[in-house]
């Protein structure tokens, strides 16, 4: 899937870009000029750095860890990740997910510890936020459903990271349409129906 997004579909989408009249205004390139221009290298380095920063933050600053004493599931301490309290729509906490990092990173990940906090308990104020008459659960009902903690199974944490990576790569297809420092990367995009079809298809997939 990653190869399809980054190579096949992206190349096909960009290869369908129609030529514009601005091409006639450019000076000819010398035959010994490199394939990659300075602007292209700058764009690639900056976007790679941007992806590393965002994905690194999602890997290491998202994912709650619940440490339990051996043989004592009740003696547990939940360590919230730095970004777990970022609010989304309607007071939700989309980054409040159990850690999917291998147990070696956290020493005791949520699922590996054998215990998980309740998703919502009306008698436990630590499981919800109350604003007036509105009660918003802190954790998703499926909080513990996909918390592998061993790196071998699917997790909500890694699913979040993968989806963010896909969306960033998808938007980079728009950036790649312009390679001469143009400010508007969406210029002329509506005139390329095949490009839009491929991008929408990739997004839905």
N, C-alpha and C. Protein backbone atom coordinates (compact mmCIF):
# COMPACT_ATOMS: atom_id res chain seq x y z
N UNK A 1 0.83 -1.21 0.00
CA UNK A 1 0.00 0.00 0.00
C UNK A 1 0.87 1.25 0.00
N UNK A 2 1.92 1.23 0.79
CA UNK A 2 2.82 2.38 0.83
C UNK A 2 3.48 2.58 -0.53
N UNK A 3 3.91 1.48 -1.16
CA UNK A 3 4.53 1.59 -2.48
C UNK A 3 3.56 2.12 -3.52
N UNK A 4 2.28 1.71 -3.42
CA UNK A 4 1.28 2.20 -4.36
C UNK A 4 1.10 3.70 -4.21
N UNK A 5 1.07 4.17 -2.95
CA UNK A 5 0.86 5.60 -2.70
C UNK A 5 2.07 6.42 -3.14
N UNK A 6 3.26 5.98 -2.73
CA UNK A 6 4.46 6.79 -2.94
C UNK A 6 5.04 6.65 -4.33
N UNK A 7 4.77 5.54 -5.01
CA UNK A 7 5.39 5.31 -6.31
C UNK A 7 4.37 5.26 -7.45
N UNK A 8 3.58 4.20 -7.47
CA UNK A 8 2.73 3.93 -8.63
C UNK A 8 1.68 5.01 -8.86
N UNK A 9 0.77 5.19 -7.91
CA UNK A 9 -0.32 6.15 -8.09
C UNK A 9 0.19 7.59 -8.17
N UNK A 10 1.18 7.92 -7.32
CA UNK A 10 1.71 9.28 -7.33
C UNK A 10 2.38 9.59 -8.66
N UNK A 11 3.16 8.66 -9.18
CA UNK A 11 3.82 8.88 -10.48
C UNK A 11 2.80 9.01 -11.59
N UNK A 12 1.78 8.16 -11.55
CA UNK A 12 0.74 8.22 -12.58
C UNK A 12 0.00 9.55 -12.52
N UNK A 13 -0.30 10.02 -11.31
CA UNK A 13 -1.03 11.28 -11.16
C UNK A 13 -0.20 12.45 -11.68
N UNK A 14 1.08 12.48 -11.33
CA UNK A 14 1.93 13.61 -11.75
C UNK A 14 2.28 13.54 -13.23
N UNK A 15 2.29 12.33 -13.79
CA UNK A 15 2.60 12.18 -15.21
C UNK A 15 1.47 12.69 -16.10
N UNK A 16 0.29 12.85 -15.53
CA UNK A 16 -0.86 13.32 -16.32
C UNK A 16 -0.97 14.84 -16.31
N UNK A 17 -0.02 15.51 -15.66
CA UNK A 17 -0.08 16.97 -15.58
C UNK A 17 0.08 17.59 -16.97
N UNK A 18 -0.83 18.44 -17.35
CA UNK A 18 -0.80 19.06 -18.68
C UNK A 18 0.26 20.15 -18.75
N UNK A 19 0.92 20.32 -19.88
CA UNK A 19 1.88 21.42 -20.03
C UNK A 19 1.16 22.77 -20.04
N UNK A 20 1.85 23.79 -19.60
CA UNK A 20 1.27 25.14 -19.59
C UNK A 20 2.10 26.07 -20.46
N UNK A 21 1.55 27.24 -20.76
CA UNK A 21 2.24 28.21 -21.62
C UNK A 21 3.48 28.80 -20.95
N UNK A 22 3.56 28.68 -19.63
CA UNK A 22 4.74 29.23 -18.93
C UNK A 22 6.01 28.47 -19.31
N UNK A 23 5.86 27.26 -19.83
CA UNK A 23 7.04 26.50 -20.25
C UNK A 23 7.79 27.22 -21.37
N UNK A 24 7.05 27.95 -22.21
CA UNK A 24 7.68 28.64 -23.34
C UNK A 24 8.48 29.86 -22.90
N UNK A 25 8.25 30.33 -21.68
CA UNK A 25 8.95 31.51 -21.17
C UNK A 25 10.25 31.16 -20.45
N UNK A 26 10.50 29.87 -20.23
CA UNK A 26 11.72 29.47 -19.52
C UNK A 26 12.90 29.44 -20.47
N UNK A 27 14.04 29.75 -19.90
CA UNK A 27 15.27 29.66 -20.67
C UNK A 27 15.67 28.19 -20.80
N UNK A 28 16.33 27.81 -21.86
CA UNK A 28 16.74 26.41 -22.03
C UNK A 28 17.78 26.01 -20.98
N UNK A 29 17.74 24.75 -20.59
CA UNK A 29 18.69 24.22 -19.62
C UNK A 29 19.95 23.72 -20.36
N UNK A 30 21.08 23.88 -19.71
CA UNK A 30 22.33 23.36 -20.30
C UNK A 30 22.34 21.84 -20.18
N UNK A 31 23.05 21.18 -21.06
CA UNK A 31 23.03 19.72 -21.10
C UNK A 31 23.76 19.09 -19.92
N UNK A 32 24.62 19.85 -19.25
CA UNK A 32 25.32 19.30 -18.09
C UNK A 32 24.64 19.64 -16.76
N UNK A 33 23.45 20.20 -16.84
CA UNK A 33 22.72 20.54 -15.62
C UNK A 33 22.13 19.27 -14.99
N UNK A 34 22.12 19.21 -13.68
CA UNK A 34 21.63 18.03 -12.98
C UNK A 34 20.13 17.85 -13.13
N UNK A 35 19.69 16.61 -12.90
CA UNK A 35 18.26 16.31 -13.00
C UNK A 35 17.48 17.02 -11.90
N UNK A 36 18.07 17.06 -10.71
CA UNK A 36 17.41 17.70 -9.57
C UNK A 36 17.90 19.13 -9.43
N UNK A 37 16.99 20.07 -9.43
CA UNK A 37 17.36 21.47 -9.21
C UNK A 37 17.48 21.76 -7.73
N UNK A 38 18.00 22.93 -7.40
CA UNK A 38 18.13 23.32 -5.99
C UNK A 38 16.77 23.43 -5.32
N UNK A 39 15.79 23.93 -6.06
CA UNK A 39 14.44 24.06 -5.49
C UNK A 39 13.85 22.69 -5.20
N UNK A 40 14.05 21.74 -6.09
CA UNK A 40 13.52 20.39 -5.89
C UNK A 40 14.17 19.73 -4.67
N UNK A 41 15.49 19.88 -4.55
CA UNK A 41 16.20 19.31 -3.39
C UNK A 41 15.71 19.95 -2.11
N UNK A 42 15.53 21.27 -2.14
CA UNK A 42 15.05 21.99 -0.95
C UNK A 42 13.66 21.48 -0.55
N UNK A 43 12.79 21.32 -1.53
CA UNK A 43 11.43 20.85 -1.25
C UNK A 43 11.44 19.44 -0.67
N UNK A 44 12.28 18.57 -1.22
CA UNK A 44 12.33 17.19 -0.73
C UNK A 44 12.87 17.12 0.69
N UNK A 45 13.93 17.88 0.96
CA UNK A 45 14.52 17.86 2.30
C UNK A 45 13.56 18.44 3.33
N UNK A 46 12.90 19.54 2.99
CA UNK A 46 12.00 20.18 3.94
C UNK A 46 10.77 19.31 4.21
N UNK A 47 10.24 18.69 3.17
CA UNK A 47 9.06 17.85 3.40
C UNK A 47 9.43 16.59 4.17
N UNK A 48 10.60 16.02 3.90
CA UNK A 48 11.05 14.85 4.66
C UNK A 48 11.24 15.21 6.13
N UNK A 49 11.84 16.38 6.38
CA UNK A 49 12.03 16.82 7.77
C UNK A 49 10.68 17.05 8.45
N UNK A 50 9.74 17.65 7.72
CA UNK A 50 8.40 17.90 8.27
C UNK A 50 7.71 16.59 8.64
N UNK A 51 7.81 15.59 7.76
CA UNK A 51 7.19 14.30 8.06
C UNK A 51 7.86 13.63 9.25
N UNK A 52 9.19 13.72 9.33
CA UNK A 52 9.89 13.11 10.46
C UNK A 52 9.49 13.76 11.78
N UNK A 53 9.32 15.08 11.78
CA UNK A 53 8.94 15.78 13.01
C UNK A 53 7.54 15.36 13.45
N UNK A 54 6.57 15.39 12.51
CA UNK A 54 5.19 15.05 12.84
C UNK A 54 5.06 13.60 13.26
N UNK A 55 5.63 12.69 12.48
CA UNK A 55 5.51 11.26 12.79
C UNK A 55 6.29 10.91 14.05
N UNK A 56 7.43 11.56 14.26
CA UNK A 56 8.17 11.32 15.50
C UNK A 56 7.38 11.75 16.72
N UNK A 57 6.69 12.89 16.60
CA UNK A 57 5.85 13.35 17.71
C UNK A 57 4.72 12.37 17.98
N UNK A 58 4.11 11.85 16.91
CA UNK A 58 3.00 10.90 17.09
C UNK A 58 3.48 9.57 17.67
N UNK A 59 4.71 9.18 17.34
CA UNK A 59 5.23 7.92 17.87
C UNK A 59 5.59 8.04 19.34
N UNK A 60 6.29 9.11 19.70
CA UNK A 60 6.85 9.19 21.05
C UNK A 60 6.06 10.09 22.01
N UNK A 61 5.18 10.96 21.48
CA UNK A 61 4.42 11.85 22.36
C UNK A 61 2.95 11.49 22.41
N UNK A 62 2.57 10.38 21.78
CA UNK A 62 1.19 9.89 21.82
C UNK A 62 1.24 8.44 22.26
N UNK A 63 0.27 8.04 23.07
CA UNK A 63 0.22 6.66 23.53
C UNK A 63 0.41 6.57 25.03
N UNK A 64 -0.71 6.37 25.75
CA UNK A 64 -0.65 6.26 27.20
C UNK A 64 -0.04 4.92 27.61
N UNK A 65 0.68 4.94 28.72
CA UNK A 65 1.33 3.74 29.24
C UNK A 65 0.77 3.45 30.63
N UNK A 66 0.41 2.21 30.87
CA UNK A 66 -0.12 1.81 32.18
C UNK A 66 0.82 0.78 32.78
N UNK A 67 1.53 1.18 33.81
CA UNK A 67 2.52 0.32 34.45
C UNK A 67 1.91 -0.34 35.68
N UNK A 68 1.99 -1.66 35.74
CA UNK A 68 1.43 -2.42 36.86
C UNK A 68 2.52 -3.23 37.54
N UNK A 69 2.38 -3.36 38.84
CA UNK A 69 3.31 -4.20 39.59
C UNK A 69 3.07 -5.66 39.22
N UNK A 70 4.12 -6.47 39.11
CA UNK A 70 3.96 -7.87 38.73
C UNK A 70 2.99 -8.61 39.63
N UNK A 71 1.96 -9.21 39.02
CA UNK A 71 0.98 -9.98 39.78
C UNK A 71 -0.05 -9.15 40.49
N UNK A 72 -0.02 -7.83 40.34
CA UNK A 72 -0.98 -6.96 41.01
C UNK A 72 -1.60 -6.01 39.99
N UNK A 73 -2.69 -6.44 39.37
CA UNK A 73 -3.33 -5.65 38.33
C UNK A 73 -3.99 -4.40 38.89
N UNK A 74 -4.26 -4.37 40.17
CA UNK A 74 -4.91 -3.21 40.76
C UNK A 74 -3.91 -2.13 41.10
N UNK A 75 -2.65 -2.52 41.30
CA UNK A 75 -1.61 -1.54 41.65
C UNK A 75 -0.98 -1.02 40.37
N UNK A 76 -1.73 -0.19 39.68
CA UNK A 76 -1.28 0.30 38.37
C UNK A 76 -1.19 1.82 38.37
N UNK A 77 -0.26 2.31 37.60
CA UNK A 77 -0.08 3.75 37.42
C UNK A 77 -0.19 4.06 35.94
N UNK A 78 -1.11 4.94 35.58
CA UNK A 78 -1.28 5.30 34.19
C UNK A 78 -0.50 6.58 33.91
N UNK A 79 0.38 6.49 32.94
CA UNK A 79 1.18 7.65 32.52
C UNK A 79 0.65 8.17 31.20
N UNK A 80 0.03 9.34 31.24
CA UNK A 80 -0.55 9.92 30.04
C UNK A 80 0.54 10.50 29.16
N UNK A 81 0.38 10.32 27.86
CA UNK A 81 1.34 10.86 26.90
C UNK A 81 1.19 12.39 26.83
N UNK A 82 2.26 13.10 26.44
CA UNK A 82 2.22 14.58 26.41
C UNK A 82 1.11 15.15 25.54
N UNK A 83 0.75 14.48 24.44
CA UNK A 83 -0.25 15.01 23.53
C UNK A 83 -1.62 14.37 23.71
N UNK A 84 -1.80 13.58 24.75
CA UNK A 84 -3.06 12.86 24.91
C UNK A 84 -4.23 13.77 25.27
N UNK A 85 -3.96 15.00 25.71
CA UNK A 85 -5.04 15.89 26.12
C UNK A 85 -5.37 16.95 25.06
N UNK A 86 -4.87 16.75 23.85
CA UNK A 86 -5.23 17.64 22.75
C UNK A 86 -6.68 17.37 22.36
N UNK A 87 -7.50 18.41 22.37
CA UNK A 87 -8.93 18.24 22.13
C UNK A 87 -9.26 18.29 20.65
N UNK A 88 -10.25 17.48 20.26
CA UNK A 88 -10.77 17.48 18.90
C UNK A 88 -12.17 18.05 18.89
N UNK A 89 -12.99 17.58 17.96
CA UNK A 89 -14.36 18.07 17.85
C UNK A 89 -15.19 17.63 19.05
N UNK A 90 -16.06 18.55 19.50
CA UNK A 90 -17.02 18.28 20.58
C UNK A 90 -16.33 17.80 21.86
N UNK A 91 -15.13 18.28 22.11
CA UNK A 91 -14.44 17.94 23.35
C UNK A 91 -13.81 16.57 23.36
N UNK A 92 -13.77 15.89 22.20
CA UNK A 92 -13.18 14.56 22.16
C UNK A 92 -11.65 14.65 22.27
N UNK A 93 -11.03 13.53 22.60
CA UNK A 93 -9.58 13.45 22.74
C UNK A 93 -9.06 12.40 21.75
N UNK A 94 -8.86 12.78 20.49
CA UNK A 94 -8.48 11.79 19.48
C UNK A 94 -7.12 11.15 19.70
N UNK A 95 -6.23 11.81 20.45
CA UNK A 95 -4.90 11.27 20.68
C UNK A 95 -4.81 10.49 21.99
N UNK A 96 -5.95 10.31 22.64
CA UNK A 96 -5.97 9.56 23.90
C UNK A 96 -6.12 8.08 23.56
N UNK A 97 -5.02 7.44 23.21
CA UNK A 97 -5.02 6.03 22.83
C UNK A 97 -3.92 5.32 23.60
N UNK A 98 -4.06 4.01 23.83
CA UNK A 98 -2.99 3.27 24.51
C UNK A 98 -1.77 3.15 23.61
N UNK A 99 -0.62 3.09 24.22
CA UNK A 99 0.62 3.02 23.46
C UNK A 99 0.70 1.75 22.63
N UNK A 100 1.14 1.89 21.39
CA UNK A 100 1.36 0.72 20.54
C UNK A 100 2.83 0.42 20.38
N UNK A 101 3.68 1.19 21.05
CA UNK A 101 5.11 0.96 20.94
C UNK A 101 5.49 -0.37 21.58
N UNK A 102 6.53 -1.03 21.08
CA UNK A 102 6.97 -2.28 21.72
C UNK A 102 7.25 -2.09 23.19
N UNK A 103 7.04 -3.15 23.96
CA UNK A 103 7.19 -3.06 25.42
C UNK A 103 8.59 -2.62 25.82
N UNK A 104 9.57 -2.87 24.96
CA UNK A 104 10.94 -2.47 25.27
C UNK A 104 11.09 -0.97 25.37
N UNK A 105 10.23 -0.21 24.65
CA UNK A 105 10.31 1.24 24.71
C UNK A 105 9.73 1.76 26.02
N UNK A 106 8.63 1.12 26.46
CA UNK A 106 7.90 1.63 27.62
C UNK A 106 8.12 0.81 28.88
N UNK A 107 8.70 -0.36 28.71
CA UNK A 107 8.96 -1.31 29.79
C UNK A 107 7.70 -1.98 30.28
N UNK A 108 6.57 -1.34 30.17
CA UNK A 108 5.30 -1.96 30.56
C UNK A 108 4.19 -1.24 29.82
N UNK A 109 3.88 -1.67 28.62
CA UNK A 109 2.82 -1.04 27.84
C UNK A 109 1.47 -1.50 28.36
N UNK A 110 0.44 -0.79 27.95
CA UNK A 110 -0.90 -1.04 28.50
C UNK A 110 -1.33 -2.49 28.42
N UNK A 111 -1.33 -3.04 27.21
CA UNK A 111 -1.83 -4.40 27.06
C UNK A 111 -0.86 -5.42 27.64
N UNK A 112 0.44 -5.17 27.53
CA UNK A 112 1.43 -6.11 28.03
C UNK A 112 1.36 -6.24 29.54
N UNK A 113 0.88 -5.20 30.20
CA UNK A 113 0.81 -5.24 31.66
C UNK A 113 -0.36 -6.09 32.15
N UNK A 114 -1.31 -6.40 31.25
CA UNK A 114 -2.43 -7.24 31.64
C UNK A 114 -3.58 -6.48 32.26
N UNK A 115 -3.55 -5.18 32.23
CA UNK A 115 -4.63 -4.39 32.81
C UNK A 115 -4.91 -3.20 31.92
N UNK A 116 -6.14 -2.74 31.94
CA UNK A 116 -6.51 -1.59 31.15
C UNK A 116 -7.56 -0.78 31.89
N UNK A 117 -7.47 0.53 31.89
CA UNK A 117 -8.45 1.35 32.61
C UNK A 117 -9.80 1.29 31.91
N UNK A 118 -10.89 1.51 32.65
CA UNK A 118 -12.21 1.48 32.03
C UNK A 118 -12.39 2.62 31.03
N UNK A 119 -13.09 2.32 29.92
CA UNK A 119 -13.33 3.36 28.92
C UNK A 119 -14.24 4.45 29.49
N UNK A 120 -15.30 4.03 30.18
CA UNK A 120 -16.21 5.01 30.78
C UNK A 120 -16.93 4.37 31.96
N UNK A 121 -16.90 5.09 33.07
CA UNK A 121 -17.58 4.63 34.27
C UNK A 121 -18.22 5.86 34.92
N UNK A 122 -19.55 5.86 34.99
CA UNK A 122 -20.28 7.03 35.49
C UNK A 122 -19.92 7.36 36.94
N UNK A 123 -19.40 6.37 37.68
CA UNK A 123 -19.06 6.61 39.08
C UNK A 123 -17.58 6.94 39.26
N UNK A 124 -16.83 6.94 38.16
CA UNK A 124 -15.39 7.22 38.24
C UNK A 124 -15.10 8.51 37.49
N UNK A 125 -14.92 9.64 38.20
CA UNK A 125 -14.69 10.94 37.53
C UNK A 125 -13.43 10.97 36.67
N UNK A 126 -12.50 10.03 36.89
CA UNK A 126 -11.27 10.04 36.10
C UNK A 126 -11.48 9.52 34.68
N UNK A 127 -12.69 9.01 34.39
CA UNK A 127 -12.95 8.46 33.06
C UNK A 127 -13.75 9.40 32.16
N UNK A 128 -14.10 10.58 32.66
CA UNK A 128 -14.88 11.50 31.82
C UNK A 128 -14.63 12.94 32.24
N UNK A 129 -15.02 13.85 31.35
CA UNK A 129 -14.97 15.28 31.63
C UNK A 129 -16.39 15.81 31.66
N UNK A 130 -16.68 16.72 32.58
CA UNK A 130 -18.02 17.25 32.71
C UNK A 130 -17.99 18.76 32.55
N UNK A 131 -18.79 19.25 31.62
CA UNK A 131 -18.91 20.68 31.40
C UNK A 131 -20.40 21.03 31.41
N UNK A 132 -20.87 21.57 32.53
CA UNK A 132 -22.31 21.82 32.67
C UNK A 132 -23.04 20.48 32.76
N UNK A 133 -23.97 20.26 31.84
CA UNK A 133 -24.70 19.00 31.79
C UNK A 133 -24.11 18.01 30.79
N UNK A 134 -23.04 18.45 30.11
CA UNK A 134 -22.42 17.60 29.10
C UNK A 134 -21.32 16.75 29.71
N UNK A 135 -21.42 15.45 29.50
CA UNK A 135 -20.41 14.51 29.99
C UNK A 135 -19.71 13.90 28.78
N UNK A 136 -18.39 14.06 28.70
CA UNK A 136 -17.60 13.54 27.57
C UNK A 136 -16.61 12.51 28.08
N UNK A 137 -16.72 11.25 27.62
CA UNK A 137 -15.75 10.23 28.05
C UNK A 137 -14.34 10.60 27.61
N UNK A 138 -13.36 10.36 28.47
CA UNK A 138 -11.97 10.68 28.15
C UNK A 138 -11.42 9.67 27.15
N UNK A 139 -11.81 8.42 27.29
CA UNK A 139 -11.29 7.37 26.41
C UNK A 139 -12.38 6.87 25.46
N UNK A 140 -11.93 6.45 24.30
CA UNK A 140 -12.83 5.84 23.33
C UNK A 140 -13.30 4.48 23.86
N UNK A 141 -14.53 4.05 23.53
CA UNK A 141 -15.01 2.74 24.01
C UNK A 141 -14.10 1.58 23.61
N UNK A 142 -13.34 1.74 22.52
CA UNK A 142 -12.45 0.67 22.07
C UNK A 142 -11.01 0.91 22.51
N UNK A 143 -10.84 1.63 23.60
CA UNK A 143 -9.51 2.04 24.07
C UNK A 143 -8.56 0.86 24.19
N UNK A 144 -9.02 -0.25 24.73
CA UNK A 144 -8.14 -1.39 24.99
C UNK A 144 -8.25 -2.49 23.94
N UNK A 145 -9.11 -2.27 22.95
CA UNK A 145 -9.38 -3.34 22.00
C UNK A 145 -8.16 -3.70 21.16
N UNK A 146 -7.42 -2.68 20.72
CA UNK A 146 -6.29 -2.93 19.83
C UNK A 146 -4.98 -2.43 20.42
N UNK A 147 -4.82 -2.56 21.71
CA UNK A 147 -3.57 -2.10 22.33
C UNK A 147 -2.64 -3.29 22.48
N UNK A 148 -1.84 -3.55 21.46
CA UNK A 148 -0.97 -4.73 21.46
C UNK A 148 0.17 -4.61 22.44
N UNK A 149 0.89 -3.51 22.39
CA UNK A 149 1.98 -3.29 23.33
C UNK A 149 3.22 -4.11 23.05
N UNK A 150 3.17 -5.00 22.06
CA UNK A 150 4.32 -5.85 21.78
C UNK A 150 4.93 -5.56 20.43
N UNK A 151 4.28 -4.73 19.63
CA UNK A 151 4.78 -4.43 18.31
C UNK A 151 4.42 -5.47 17.27
N UNK A 152 3.70 -6.53 17.67
CA UNK A 152 3.38 -7.61 16.74
C UNK A 152 1.95 -7.56 16.24
N UNK A 153 1.08 -6.84 16.92
CA UNK A 153 -0.32 -6.80 16.54
C UNK A 153 -0.78 -5.41 16.17
N UNK A 154 -1.98 -5.30 15.58
CA UNK A 154 -2.50 -3.97 15.22
C UNK A 154 -2.85 -3.16 16.46
N UNK A 155 -2.61 -1.88 16.40
CA UNK A 155 -2.93 -1.00 17.52
C UNK A 155 -3.58 0.28 17.00
N UNK A 156 -4.37 0.90 17.84
CA UNK A 156 -4.94 2.19 17.49
C UNK A 156 -3.84 3.22 17.28
N UNK A 157 -2.80 3.12 18.08
CA UNK A 157 -1.69 4.07 18.02
C UNK A 157 -1.03 4.05 16.65
N UNK A 158 -0.63 2.87 16.19
CA UNK A 158 0.05 2.77 14.90
C UNK A 158 -0.89 3.01 13.73
N UNK A 159 -2.18 2.71 13.90
CA UNK A 159 -3.15 3.02 12.86
C UNK A 159 -3.25 4.53 12.67
N UNK A 160 -3.24 5.27 13.78
CA UNK A 160 -3.25 6.73 13.73
C UNK A 160 -2.02 7.26 12.99
N UNK A 161 -0.85 6.71 13.33
CA UNK A 161 0.40 7.16 12.70
C UNK A 161 0.38 6.88 11.20
N UNK A 162 -0.08 5.69 10.82
CA UNK A 162 -0.09 5.32 9.40
C UNK A 162 -1.03 6.21 8.61
N UNK A 163 -2.20 6.50 9.17
CA UNK A 163 -3.16 7.35 8.46
C UNK A 163 -2.64 8.77 8.29
N UNK A 164 -1.96 9.29 9.31
CA UNK A 164 -1.37 10.63 9.19
C UNK A 164 -0.28 10.63 8.10
N UNK A 165 0.52 9.57 8.07
CA UNK A 165 1.56 9.47 7.05
C UNK A 165 0.95 9.44 5.65
N UNK A 166 -0.12 8.67 5.47
CA UNK A 166 -0.77 8.57 4.17
C UNK A 166 -1.31 9.93 3.73
N UNK A 167 -1.96 10.65 4.63
CA UNK A 167 -2.53 11.95 4.29
C UNK A 167 -1.44 12.98 3.97
N UNK A 168 -0.34 12.93 4.71
CA UNK A 168 0.77 13.85 4.41
C UNK A 168 1.36 13.55 3.04
N UNK A 169 1.49 12.26 2.73
CA UNK A 169 2.03 11.89 1.43
C UNK A 169 1.07 12.26 0.31
N UNK A 170 -0.22 12.14 0.60
CA UNK A 170 -1.23 12.48 -0.39
C UNK A 170 -1.19 13.98 -0.71
N UNK A 171 -1.07 14.79 0.32
CA UNK A 171 -1.00 16.24 0.09
C UNK A 171 0.31 16.61 -0.61
N UNK A 172 1.36 15.82 -0.38
CA UNK A 172 2.63 16.12 -1.03
C UNK A 172 2.54 15.96 -2.55
N UNK A 173 1.56 15.20 -3.01
CA UNK A 173 1.35 15.09 -4.46
C UNK A 173 0.97 16.45 -5.04
N UNK A 174 0.21 17.24 -4.29
CA UNK A 174 -0.12 18.59 -4.75
C UNK A 174 1.13 19.47 -4.75
N UNK A 175 1.96 19.33 -3.70
CA UNK A 175 3.20 20.11 -3.65
C UNK A 175 4.11 19.77 -4.82
N UNK A 176 4.14 18.49 -5.21
CA UNK A 176 5.05 18.04 -6.26
C UNK A 176 4.64 18.52 -7.64
N UNK A 177 3.44 19.06 -7.77
CA UNK A 177 3.00 19.59 -9.06
C UNK A 177 3.79 20.83 -9.46
N UNK A 178 4.32 21.54 -8.48
CA UNK A 178 5.05 22.78 -8.74
C UNK A 178 6.49 22.62 -8.26
N UNK A 179 7.44 22.82 -9.17
CA UNK A 179 8.84 22.59 -8.83
C UNK A 179 9.71 23.82 -9.08
N UNK A 180 9.07 24.98 -9.23
CA UNK A 180 9.83 26.20 -9.47
C UNK A 180 9.46 27.29 -8.46
N UNK A 181 9.19 26.86 -7.24
CA UNK A 181 8.88 27.78 -6.14
C UNK A 181 7.60 28.58 -6.36
N UNK A 182 6.65 28.01 -7.08
CA UNK A 182 5.35 28.67 -7.22
C UNK A 182 4.64 28.68 -5.88
N UNK A 183 3.94 29.75 -5.60
CA UNK A 183 3.26 29.89 -4.31
C UNK A 183 1.98 29.08 -4.25
N UNK A 184 1.24 29.03 -5.35
CA UNK A 184 -0.06 28.36 -5.37
C UNK A 184 0.09 26.96 -5.97
N UNK A 185 0.12 25.94 -5.13
CA UNK A 185 0.28 24.57 -5.62
C UNK A 185 -1.01 24.01 -6.21
N UNK A 186 -2.13 24.72 -5.99
CA UNK A 186 -3.42 24.24 -6.51
C UNK A 186 -3.76 24.85 -7.87
N UNK A 187 -2.88 25.70 -8.39
CA UNK A 187 -3.15 26.35 -9.65
C UNK A 187 -3.30 25.33 -10.78
N UNK A 188 -4.45 25.39 -11.46
CA UNK A 188 -4.70 24.50 -12.59
C UNK A 188 -5.09 23.09 -12.24
N UNK A 189 -5.26 22.79 -10.96
CA UNK A 189 -5.55 21.40 -10.57
C UNK A 189 -6.92 20.95 -11.06
N UNK A 190 -7.87 21.87 -11.15
CA UNK A 190 -9.21 21.49 -11.59
C UNK A 190 -9.25 21.13 -13.08
N UNK A 191 -8.21 21.50 -13.80
CA UNK A 191 -8.15 21.15 -15.21
C UNK A 191 -7.59 19.77 -15.48
N UNK A 192 -7.16 19.09 -14.43
CA UNK A 192 -6.60 17.75 -14.58
C UNK A 192 -7.50 16.76 -13.84
N UNK A 193 -8.50 16.27 -14.54
CA UNK A 193 -9.49 15.38 -13.92
C UNK A 193 -8.88 14.04 -13.52
N UNK A 194 -7.90 13.55 -14.29
CA UNK A 194 -7.29 12.26 -13.95
C UNK A 194 -6.49 12.36 -12.66
N UNK A 195 -5.79 13.49 -12.47
CA UNK A 195 -5.05 13.70 -11.23
C UNK A 195 -6.00 13.69 -10.03
N UNK A 196 -7.11 14.42 -10.16
CA UNK A 196 -8.09 14.47 -9.08
C UNK A 196 -8.70 13.10 -8.82
N UNK A 197 -8.94 12.34 -9.88
CA UNK A 197 -9.52 11.01 -9.73
C UNK A 197 -8.58 10.08 -8.97
N UNK A 198 -7.29 10.15 -9.30
CA UNK A 198 -6.31 9.31 -8.62
C UNK A 198 -6.16 9.71 -7.16
N UNK A 199 -6.12 11.01 -6.88
CA UNK A 199 -5.99 11.48 -5.50
C UNK A 199 -7.20 11.08 -4.67
N UNK A 200 -8.40 11.27 -5.22
CA UNK A 200 -9.62 10.91 -4.50
C UNK A 200 -9.68 9.40 -4.29
N UNK A 201 -9.31 8.65 -5.31
CA UNK A 201 -9.30 7.18 -5.18
C UNK A 201 -8.33 6.71 -4.12
N UNK A 202 -7.15 7.32 -4.07
CA UNK A 202 -6.17 6.97 -3.05
C UNK A 202 -6.68 7.32 -1.65
N UNK A 203 -7.32 8.49 -1.54
CA UNK A 203 -7.85 8.91 -0.25
C UNK A 203 -8.94 7.96 0.24
N UNK A 204 -9.84 7.57 -0.65
CA UNK A 204 -10.90 6.65 -0.27
C UNK A 204 -10.37 5.26 0.03
N UNK A 205 -9.32 4.87 -0.67
CA UNK A 205 -8.73 3.56 -0.42
C UNK A 205 -8.03 3.48 0.90
